[in-house]
């Protein structure tokens, strides 16, 4: 099974149990919402026990195989979850790119 699908299913189950994983900020609820949207009308729900975690993981595996773009989208959201809500996403050209999170005090770029 895809390690990403296993990790997402377990984290969603833990997040549901602990109030959507406070340390992940908005990322875990956003990931859960995206998965709910993707599986709307199908008998897959956000897991609350080991059996439903396995079902979600298997369904995600199938969906990731069928649609690699969906896997990439989930991977990006998962990166935000595991990085405490910070994610670096840059497209285009630039001389310098800065990624930061939680600046307390001044910040100057010259």
Protein backbone atom coordinates (compact mmCIF):
# COMPACT_ATOMS: atom_id res chain seq x y z
CA UNK A 1 0.00 0.00 0.00
CA UNK A 2 1.13 3.56 -0.70
CA UNK A 3 2.76 5.01 2.44
CA UNK A 4 1.06 8.35 1.74
CA UNK A 5 -2.41 6.82 1.82
CA UNK A 6 -1.60 4.98 5.06
CA UNK A 7 -0.26 8.14 6.70
CA UNK A 8 -3.21 10.26 5.60
CA UNK A 9 -5.78 7.73 6.81
CA UNK A 10 -4.08 7.43 10.21
CA UNK A 11 -3.68 11.19 10.59
CA UNK A 12 -7.28 11.85 9.67
CA UNK A 13 -8.44 9.30 12.24
CA UNK A 14 -6.20 10.87 14.89
CA UNK A 15 -7.31 14.36 13.84
CA UNK A 16 -10.96 13.46 14.18
CA UNK A 17 -10.25 12.04 17.63
CA UNK A 18 -8.30 15.11 18.78
CA UNK A 19 -10.28 17.89 17.16
CA UNK A 20 -8.64 18.01 13.72
CA UNK A 21 -5.01 18.02 14.79
CA UNK A 22 -4.32 21.46 16.23
CA UNK A 23 -0.61 21.40 15.38
CA UNK A 24 -1.41 21.06 11.67
CA UNK A 25 -3.45 24.26 11.65
CA UNK A 26 -5.85 24.43 8.72
CA UNK A 27 -3.96 21.86 6.64
CA UNK A 28 -5.47 18.69 8.10
CA UNK A 29 -9.06 19.94 7.86
CA UNK A 30 -8.33 21.11 4.28
CA UNK A 31 -7.01 17.65 3.40
CA UNK A 32 -10.06 15.98 4.97
CA UNK A 33 -12.37 18.35 3.07
CA UNK A 34 -10.61 17.61 -0.23
CA UNK A 35 -10.89 13.87 0.32
CA UNK A 36 -14.58 14.18 1.24
CA UNK A 37 -15.16 16.16 -1.97
CA UNK A 38 -13.30 13.57 -4.02
CA UNK A 39 -15.30 10.66 -2.61
CA UNK A 40 -18.68 12.44 -2.47
CA UNK A 41 -21.45 9.97 -3.24
CA UNK A 42 -19.23 6.97 -2.51
CA UNK A 43 -19.37 4.93 0.71
CA UNK A 44 -16.01 6.21 2.02
CA UNK A 45 -15.83 8.36 5.14
CA UNK A 46 -13.12 9.90 7.24
CA UNK A 47 -11.93 7.06 9.49
CA UNK A 48 -12.69 6.74 13.18
CA UNK A 49 -11.37 3.20 13.70
CA UNK A 50 -8.77 0.81 12.29
CA UNK A 51 -11.17 -0.84 9.85
CA UNK A 52 -12.26 2.43 8.29
CA UNK A 53 -8.61 3.58 8.15
CA UNK A 54 -7.82 0.54 6.03
CA UNK A 55 -10.83 1.23 3.80
CA UNK A 56 -9.83 4.86 3.28
CA UNK A 57 -6.21 3.91 2.64
CA UNK A 58 -7.26 1.34 0.02
CA UNK A 59 -9.63 3.83 -1.63
CA UNK A 60 -6.88 6.47 -1.70
CA UNK A 61 -4.46 3.95 -3.23
CA UNK A 62 -6.91 3.29 -6.05
CA UNK A 63 -7.59 6.98 -6.56
CA UNK A 64 -3.87 7.86 -6.53
CA UNK A 65 -3.23 5.21 -9.21
CA UNK A 66 -6.16 6.41 -11.29
CA UNK A 67 -5.35 10.11 -10.95
CA UNK A 68 -1.72 11.04 -10.21
CA UNK A 69 -2.67 14.74 -10.06
CA UNK A 70 -4.95 14.00 -7.09
CA UNK A 71 -2.04 12.23 -5.39
CA UNK A 72 0.14 15.30 -5.95
CA UNK A 73 -2.58 17.53 -4.51
CA UNK A 74 -2.87 15.29 -1.43
CA UNK A 75 0.93 15.15 -1.14
CA UNK A 76 1.09 18.96 -1.10
CA UNK A 77 -1.59 19.16 1.60
CA UNK A 78 0.14 16.38 3.53
CA UNK A 79 3.40 18.35 3.39
CA UNK A 80 1.59 21.27 5.01
CA UNK A 81 0.25 18.95 7.73
CA UNK A 82 3.68 17.48 8.50
CA UNK A 83 5.46 20.85 8.29
CA UNK A 84 3.14 22.50 10.80
CA UNK A 85 1.12 24.35 8.18
CA UNK A 86 4.04 25.80 6.23
CA UNK A 87 4.51 24.79 2.63
CA UNK A 88 6.75 26.05 -0.12
CA UNK A 89 5.00 26.24 -3.46
CA UNK A 90 6.65 28.36 -6.13
CA UNK A 91 6.11 28.48 -9.86
CA UNK A 92 7.85 30.73 -12.32
CA UNK A 93 11.20 32.46 -12.35
CA UNK A 94 12.85 34.50 -9.63
CA UNK A 95 16.31 35.53 -8.57
CA UNK A 96 15.56 34.76 -4.91
CA UNK A 97 12.76 32.95 -3.13
CA UNK A 98 12.25 33.10 0.63
CA UNK A 99 10.07 30.76 2.65
CA UNK A 100 9.33 31.61 6.23
CA UNK A 101 6.94 30.91 9.03
CA UNK A 102 6.25 32.62 12.34
CA UNK A 103 8.44 35.71 12.22
CA UNK A 104 8.52 37.52 15.54
CA UNK A 105 10.14 40.91 15.11
CA UNK A 106 11.60 42.63 12.10
CA UNK A 107 12.44 41.14 8.73
CA UNK A 108 14.32 43.04 6.04
CA UNK A 109 15.36 41.95 2.56
CA UNK A 110 17.72 44.16 0.60
